[in-house]
Amino acid sequence: MNKPDLCPACGARNDCTLADPRTADRACWCYGVSIDPAVLEALPADLRDKSCLCPRCARVEAQLQAAKPSIP
């Protein structure tokens, strides 16, 4: 059974705002990053397009860190 708040690759929380009714009106973190299509293609077909990967499995942690505003 697919859980929209869990990463289909590792089972960890994926931090998807759309999967949480309290934050479903906000854009998901994945909207602001570029995920390599090869990462998505590596998932078994039955796991694709069901829920967000976590940032680690999507291999975008560096992009998310770079996008964080710096605190002076």
PDB file of N, CA and C in Angstrom:
ATOM      1  N   MET A   1       0.840  -1.185   0.000  1.00  0.00           N
ATOM      2  CA  MET A   1       0.000   0.000   0.000  1.00  0.00           C
ATOM      3  C   MET A   1       0.884   1.247   0.000  1.00  0.00           C
ATOM      4  N   ASN A   2       0.565   2.172  -0.878  1.00  0.00           N
ATOM      5  CA  ASN A   2       1.334   3.398  -0.996  1.00  0.00           C
ATOM      6  C   ASN A   2       0.881   4.416   0.057  1.00  0.00           C
ATOM      7  N   LYS A   3       1.854   5.036   0.714  1.00  0.00           N
ATOM      8  CA  LYS A   3       1.560   6.112   1.671  1.00  0.00           C
ATOM      9  C   LYS A   3       2.139   7.386   1.076  1.00  0.00           C
ATOM     10  N   PRO A   4       1.309   8.396   0.808  1.00  0.00           N
ATOM     11  CA  PRO A   4       1.798   9.602   0.135  1.00  0.00           C
ATOM     12  C   PRO A   4       2.831  10.410   0.917  1.00  0.00           C
ATOM     13  N   ASP A   5       2.935  10.180   2.234  1.00  0.00           N
ATOM     14  CA  ASP A   5       3.913  10.937   3.021  1.00  0.00           C
ATOM     15  C   ASP A   5       5.248  10.214   3.179  1.00  0.00           C
ATOM     16  N   LEU A   6       5.380   9.047   2.526  1.00  0.00           N
ATOM     17  CA  LEU A   6       6.613   8.266   2.621  1.00  0.00           C
ATOM     18  C   LEU A   6       7.288   8.136   1.268  1.00  0.00           C
ATOM     19  N   CYS A   7       8.605   8.153   1.282  1.00  0.00           N
ATOM     20  CA  CYS A   7       9.400   7.994   0.070  1.00  0.00           C
ATOM     21  C   CYS A   7       9.221   6.580  -0.471  1.00  0.00           C
ATOM     22  N   PRO A   8       8.896   6.440  -1.764  1.00  0.00           N
ATOM     23  CA  PRO A   8       8.721   5.101  -2.319  1.00  0.00           C
ATOM     24  C   PRO A   8      10.025   4.321  -2.440  1.00  0.00           C
ATOM     25  N   ALA A   9      11.164   5.008  -2.378  1.00  0.00           N
ATOM     26  CA  ALA A   9      12.451   4.327  -2.519  1.00  0.00           C
ATOM     27  C   ALA A   9      12.980   3.777  -1.195  1.00  0.00           C
ATOM     28  N   CYS A  10      12.864   4.579  -0.101  1.00  0.00           N
ATOM     29  CA  CYS A  10      13.469   4.152   1.162  1.00  0.00           C
ATOM     30  C   CYS A  10      12.473   4.013   2.312  1.00  0.00           C
ATOM     31  N   GLY A  11      11.267   4.549   2.144  1.00  0.00           N
ATOM     32  CA  GLY A  11      10.260   4.446   3.195  1.00  0.00           C
ATOM     33  C   GLY A  11      10.321   5.534   4.256  1.00  0.00           C
ATOM     34  N   ALA A  12      11.281   6.458   4.139  1.00  0.00           N
ATOM     35  CA  ALA A  12      11.389   7.566   5.098  1.00  0.00           C
ATOM     36  C   ALA A  12      10.348   8.634   4.772  1.00  0.00           C
ATOM     37  N   ARG A  13      10.103   9.535   5.718  1.00  0.00           N
ATOM     38  CA  ARG A  13       9.186  10.656   5.458  1.00  0.00           C
ATOM     39  C   ARG A  13       9.745  11.478   4.301  1.00  0.00           C
ATOM     40  N   ASN A  14       8.878  11.878   3.391  1.00  0.00           N
ATOM     41  CA  ASN A  14       9.340  12.613   2.219  1.00  0.00           C
ATOM     42  C   ASN A  14       9.148  14.129   2.330  1.00  0.00           C
ATOM     43  N   ASP A  15       8.565  14.595   3.428  1.00  0.00           N
ATOM     44  CA  ASP A  15       8.349  16.030   3.652  1.00  0.00           C
ATOM     45  C   ASP A  15       7.488  16.685   2.573  1.00  0.00           C
ATOM     46  N   CYS A  16       6.598  15.914   1.961  1.00  0.00           N
ATOM     47  CA  CYS A  16       5.722  16.436   0.915  1.00  0.00           C
ATOM     48  C   CYS A  16       4.602  17.260   1.549  1.00  0.00           C
ATOM     49  N   THR A  17       4.534  18.536   1.209  1.00  0.00           N
ATOM     50  CA  THR A  17       3.482  19.379   1.773  1.00  0.00           C
ATOM     51  C   THR A  17       2.113  18.991   1.234  1.00  0.00           C
ATOM     52  N   LEU A  18       2.062  18.448   0.035  1.00  0.00           N
ATOM     53  CA  LEU A  18       0.781  18.073  -0.562  1.00  0.00           C
ATOM     54  C   LEU A  18       0.183  16.835   0.108  1.00  0.00           C
ATOM     55  N   ALA A  19       1.005  16.021   0.739  1.00  0.00           N
ATOM     56  CA  ALA A  19       0.526  14.809   1.399  1.00  0.00           C
ATOM     57  C   ALA A  19      -0.053  15.082   2.781  1.00  0.00           C
ATOM     58  N   ASP A  20       0.188  16.278   3.304  1.00  0.00           N
ATOM     59  CA  ASP A  20      -0.292  16.640   4.637  1.00  0.00           C
ATOM     60  C   ASP A  20      -1.455  17.625   4.497  1.00  0.00           C
ATOM     61  N   PRO A  21      -2.643  17.255   4.941  1.00  0.00           N
ATOM     62  CA  PRO A  21      -3.794  18.149   4.798  1.00  0.00           C
ATOM     63  C   PRO A  21      -3.575  19.534   5.416  1.00  0.00           C
ATOM     64  N   ARG A  22      -2.714  19.621   6.426  1.00  0.00           N
ATOM     65  CA  ARG A  22      -2.449  20.917   7.073  1.00  0.00           C
ATOM     66  C   ARG A  22      -1.632  21.856   6.201  1.00  0.00           C
ATOM     67  N   THR A  23      -0.875  21.302   5.246  1.00  0.00           N
ATOM     68  CA  THR A  23      -0.010  22.128   4.399  1.00  0.00           C
ATOM     69  C   THR A  23      -0.285  21.920   2.907  1.00  0.00           C
ATOM     70  N   ALA A  24      -1.376  21.256   2.577  1.00  0.00           N
ATOM     71  CA  ALA A  24      -1.668  20.910   1.178  1.00  0.00           C
ATOM     72  C   ALA A  24      -1.843  22.129   0.273  1.00  0.00           C
ATOM     73  N   ASP A  25      -2.039  23.301   0.847  1.00  0.00           N
ATOM     74  CA  ASP A  25      -2.189  24.507   0.037  1.00  0.00           C
ATOM     75  C   ASP A  25      -0.846  25.151  -0.308  1.00  0.00           C
ATOM     76  N   ARG A  26       0.250  24.564   0.151  1.00  0.00           N
ATOM     77  CA  ARG A  26       1.597  25.095  -0.121  1.00  0.00           C
ATOM     78  C   ARG A  26       2.289  24.251  -1.188  1.00  0.00           C
ATOM     79  N   ALA A  27       3.186  24.869  -1.919  1.00  0.00           N
ATOM     80  CA  ALA A  27       3.960  24.138  -2.925  1.00  0.00           C
ATOM     81  C   ALA A  27       4.931  23.183  -2.235  1.00  0.00           C
ATOM     82  N   CYS A  28       5.097  22.033  -2.793  1.00  0.00           N
ATOM     83  CA  CYS A  28       6.038  21.036  -2.256  1.00  0.00           C
ATOM     84  C   CYS A  28       7.476  21.473  -2.536  1.00  0.00           C
ATOM     85  N   TRP A  29       8.395  21.021  -1.699  1.00  0.00           N
ATOM     86  CA  TRP A  29       9.808  21.335  -1.875  1.00  0.00           C
ATOM     87  C   TRP A  29      10.291  20.903  -3.253  1.00  0.00           C
ATOM     88  N   CYS A  30       9.692  19.842  -3.802  1.00  0.00           N
ATOM     89  CA  CYS A  30      10.175  19.309  -5.077  1.00  0.00           C
ATOM     90  C   CYS A  30       9.897  20.242  -6.249  1.00  0.00           C
ATOM     91  N   TYR A  31       9.002  21.218  -6.065  1.00  0.00           N
ATOM     92  CA  TYR A  31       8.708  22.170  -7.138  1.00  0.00           C
ATOM     93  C   TYR A  31       9.887  23.093  -7.408  1.00  0.00           C
ATOM     94  N   GLY A  32      10.786  23.250  -6.442  1.00  0.00           N
ATOM     95  CA  GLY A  32      11.886  24.188  -6.585  1.00  0.00           C
ATOM     96  C   GLY A  32      13.227  23.552  -6.887  1.00  0.00           C
ATOM     97  N   VAL A  33      13.233  22.269  -7.244  1.00  0.00           N
ATOM     98  CA  VAL A  33      14.491  21.589  -7.538  1.00  0.00           C
ATOM     99  C   VAL A  33      14.396  20.882  -8.882  1.00  0.00           C
ATOM    100  N   SER A  34      15.523  20.462  -9.373  1.00  0.00           N
ATOM    101  CA  SER A  34      15.578  19.712 -10.619  1.00  0.00           C
ATOM    102  C   SER A  34      16.028  18.287 -10.296  1.00  0.00           C
ATOM    103  N   ILE A  35      15.119  17.338 -10.480  1.00  0.00           N
ATOM    104  CA  ILE A  35      15.424  15.928 -10.200  1.00  0.00           C
ATOM    105  C   ILE A  35      15.856  15.261 -11.496  1.00  0.00           C
ATOM    106  N   ASP A  36      16.995  14.602 -11.450  1.00  0.00           N
ATOM    107  CA  ASP A  36      17.525  13.901 -12.618  1.00  0.00           C
ATOM    108  C   ASP A  36      16.514  12.835 -13.051  1.00  0.00           C
ATOM    109  N   PRO A  37      16.084  12.844 -14.310  1.00  0.00           N
ATOM    110  CA  PRO A  37      15.131  11.836 -14.774  1.00  0.00           C
ATOM    111  C   PRO A  37      15.603  10.398 -14.551  1.00  0.00           C
ATOM    112  N   ALA A  38      16.921  10.178 -14.544  1.00  0.00           N
ATOM    113  CA  ALA A  38      17.455   8.837 -14.321  1.00  0.00           C
ATOM    114  C   ALA A  38      17.108   8.326 -12.923  1.00  0.00           C
ATOM    115  N   VAL A  39      17.017   9.247 -11.946  1.00  0.00           N
ATOM    116  CA  VAL A  39      16.641   8.862 -10.580  1.00  0.00           C
ATOM    117  C   VAL A  39      15.217   8.322 -10.578  1.00  0.00           C
ATOM    118  N   LEU A  40      14.330   9.003 -11.275  1.00  0.00           N
ATOM    119  CA  LEU A  40      12.937   8.565 -11.337  1.00  0.00           C
ATOM    120  C   LEU A  40      12.800   7.270 -12.132  1.00  0.00           C
ATOM    121  N   GLU A  41      13.543   7.160 -13.207  1.00  0.00           N
ATOM    122  CA  GLU A  41      13.482   5.962 -14.038  1.00  0.00           C
ATOM    123  C   GLU A  41      14.033   4.739 -13.317  1.00  0.00           C
ATOM    124  N   ALA A  42      14.874   4.946 -12.309  1.00  0.00           N
ATOM    125  CA  ALA A  42      15.448   3.830 -11.552  1.00  0.00           C
ATOM    126  C   ALA A  42      14.417   3.189 -10.625  1.00  0.00           C
ATOM    127  N   LEU A  43      13.339   3.914 -10.333  1.00  0.00           N
ATOM    128  CA  LEU A  43      12.280   3.349  -9.495  1.00  0.00           C
ATOM    129  C   LEU A  43      11.506   2.296 -10.284  1.00  0.00           C
ATOM    130  N   PRO A  44      11.064   1.235  -9.618  1.00  0.00           N
ATOM    131  CA  PRO A  44      10.189   0.284 -10.304  1.00  0.00           C
ATOM    132  C   PRO A  44       8.939   1.018 -10.815  1.00  0.00           C
ATOM    133  N   ALA A  45       8.443   0.639 -11.965  1.00  0.00           N
ATOM    134  CA  ALA A  45       7.312   1.334 -12.607  1.00  0.00           C
ATOM    135  C   ALA A  45       6.106   1.454 -11.687  1.00  0.00           C
ATOM    136  N   ASP A  46       5.862   0.463 -10.852  1.00  0.00           N
ATOM    137  CA  ASP A  46       4.677   0.504  -9.984  1.00  0.00           C
ATOM    138  C   ASP A  46       4.824   1.487  -8.824  1.00  0.00           C
ATOM    139  N   LEU A  47       6.016   2.041  -8.610  1.00  0.00           N
ATOM    140  CA  LEU A  47       6.230   3.024  -7.547  1.00  0.00           C
ATOM    141  C   LEU A  47       6.300   4.459  -8.065  1.00  0.00           C
ATOM    142  N   ARG A  48       6.371   4.626  -9.376  1.00  0.00           N
ATOM    143  CA  ARG A  48       6.484   5.966  -9.955  1.00  0.00           C
ATOM    144  C   ARG A  48       5.157   6.715  -9.890  1.00  0.00           C
ATOM    145  N   ASP A  49       5.253   8.021  -9.712  1.00  0.00           N
ATOM    146  CA  ASP A  49       4.089   8.914  -9.734  1.00  0.00           C
ATOM    147  C   ASP A  49       3.040   8.581  -8.679  1.00  0.00           C
ATOM    148  N   LYS A  50       3.470   8.013  -7.568  1.00  0.00           N
ATOM    149  CA  LYS A  50       2.550   7.684  -6.476  1.00  0.00           C
ATOM    150  C   LYS A  50       2.754   8.613  -5.292  1.00  0.00           C
ATOM    151  N   SER A  51       4.015   8.954  -5.016  1.00  0.00           N
ATOM    152  CA  SER A  51       4.355   9.855  -3.917  1.00  0.00           C
ATOM    153  C   SER A  51       5.742  10.430  -4.172  1.00  0.00           C
ATOM    154  N   CYS A  52       6.058  11.505  -3.460  1.00  0.00           N
ATOM    155  CA  CYS A  52       7.367  12.157  -3.602  1.00  0.00           C
ATOM    156  C   CYS A  52       8.484  11.278  -3.055  1.00  0.00           C
ATOM    157  N   LEU A  53       9.614  11.359  -3.702  1.00  0.00           N
ATOM    158  CA  LEU A  53      10.830  10.827  -3.109  1.00  0.00           C
ATOM    159  C   LEU A  53      11.218  11.745  -1.961  1.00  0.00           C
ATOM    160  N   CYS A  54      12.032  11.266  -1.043  1.00  0.00           N
ATOM    161  CA  CYS A  54      12.596  12.157  -0.026  1.00  0.00           C
ATOM    162  C   CYS A  54      13.753  12.907  -0.694  1.00  0.00           C
ATOM    163  N   PRO A  55      14.177  14.041  -0.139  1.00  0.00           N
ATOM    164  CA  PRO A  55      15.280  14.794  -0.756  1.00  0.00           C
ATOM    165  C   PRO A  55      16.554  13.972  -0.949  1.00  0.00           C
ATOM    166  N   ARG A  56      16.835  13.056  -0.011  1.00  0.00           N
ATOM    167  CA  ARG A  56      18.054  12.239  -0.135  1.00  0.00           C
ATOM    168  C   ARG A  56      17.962  11.318  -1.342  1.00  0.00           C
ATOM    169  N   CYS A  57      16.851  10.598  -1.477  1.00  0.00           N
ATOM    170  CA  CYS A  57      16.703   9.671  -2.598  1.00  0.00           C
ATOM    171  C   CYS A  57      16.561  10.409  -3.931  1.00  0.00           C
ATOM    172  N   ALA A  58      16.010  11.619  -3.896  1.00  0.00           N
ATOM    173  CA  ALA A  58      15.896  12.428  -5.114  1.00  0.00           C
ATOM    174  C   ALA A  58      17.238  13.048  -5.484  1.00  0.00           C
ATOM    175  N   ARG A  59      18.196  12.944  -4.571  1.00  0.00           N
ATOM    176  CA  ARG A  59      19.550  13.484  -4.760  1.00  0.00           C
ATOM    177  C   ARG A  59      19.533  14.990  -4.999  1.00  0.00           C
ATOM    178  N   VAL A  60      18.743  15.700  -4.177  1.00  0.00           N
ATOM    179  CA  VAL A  60      18.624  17.153  -4.330  1.00  0.00           C
ATOM    180  C   VAL A  60      18.945  17.902  -3.043  1.00  0.00           C
ATOM    181  N   GLU A  61      19.535  17.237  -2.081  1.00  0.00           N
ATOM    182  CA  GLU A  61      19.830  17.897  -0.806  1.00  0.00           C
ATOM    183  C   GLU A  61      20.686  19.145  -0.998  1.00  0.00           C
ATOM    184  N   ALA A  62      21.671  19.082  -1.895  1.00  0.00           N
ATOM    185  CA  ALA A  62      22.534  20.243  -2.136  1.00  0.00           C
ATOM    186  C   ALA A  62      21.735  21.406  -2.726  1.00  0.00           C
ATOM    187  N   GLN A  63      20.804  21.103  -3.629  1.00  0.00           N
ATOM    188  CA  GLN A  63      19.962  22.151  -4.215  1.00  0.00           C
ATOM    189  C   GLN A  63      19.102  22.810  -3.134  1.00  0.00           C
ATOM    190  N   LEU A  64      18.555  22.022  -2.228  1.00  0.00           N
ATOM    191  CA  LEU A  64      17.715  22.570  -1.166  1.00  0.00           C
ATOM    192  C   LEU A  64      18.533  23.431  -0.217  1.00  0.00           C
ATOM    193  N   GLN A  65      19.753  23.006   0.104  1.00  0.00           N
ATOM    194  CA  GLN A  65      20.621  23.799   0.982  1.00  0.00           C
ATOM    195  C   GLN A  65      20.977  25.125   0.311  1.00  0.00           C
ATOM    196  N   ALA A  66      21.254  25.096  -0.983  1.00  0.00           N
ATOM    197  CA  ALA A  66      21.629  26.317  -1.709  1.00  0.00           C
ATOM    198  C   ALA A  66      20.452  27.286  -1.789  1.00  0.00           C
ATOM    199  N   ALA A  67      19.230  26.768  -1.784  1.00  0.00           N
ATOM    200  CA  ALA A  67      18.041  27.613  -1.906  1.00  0.00           C
ATOM    201  C   ALA A  67      17.619  28.247  -0.585  1.00  0.00           C
ATOM    202  N   LYS A  68      18.144  27.740   0.537  1.00  0.00           N
ATOM    203  CA  LYS A  68      17.784  28.306   1.830  1.00  0.00           C
ATOM    204  C   LYS A  68      18.346  29.704   1.966  1.00  0.00           C
ATOM    205  N   PRO A  69      17.531  30.645   2.448  1.00  0.00           N
ATOM    206  CA  PRO A  69      18.059  31.997   2.649  1.00  0.00           C
ATOM    207  C   PRO A  69      19.133  31.986   3.734  1.00  0.00           C
ATOM    208  N   SER A  70      20.191  32.721   3.486  1.00  0.00           N
ATOM    209  CA  SER A  70      21.250  32.799   4.486  1.00  0.00           C
ATOM    210  C   SER A  70      20.835  33.782   5.580  1.00  0.00           C
ATOM    211  N   ILE A  71      21.170  33.445   6.787  1.00  0.00           N
ATOM    212  CA  ILE A  71      20.840  34.296   7.930  1.00  0.00           C
ATOM    213  C   ILE A  71      22.093  35.086   8.297  1.00  0.00           C
ATOM    214  N   PRO A  72      22.009  36.417   8.212  1.00  0.00           N
ATOM    215  CA  PRO A  72      23.216  37.235   8.493  1.00  0.00           C
ATOM    216  C   PRO A  72      23.595  37.192   9.950  1.00  0.00           C
TER     217      PRO A  72
END
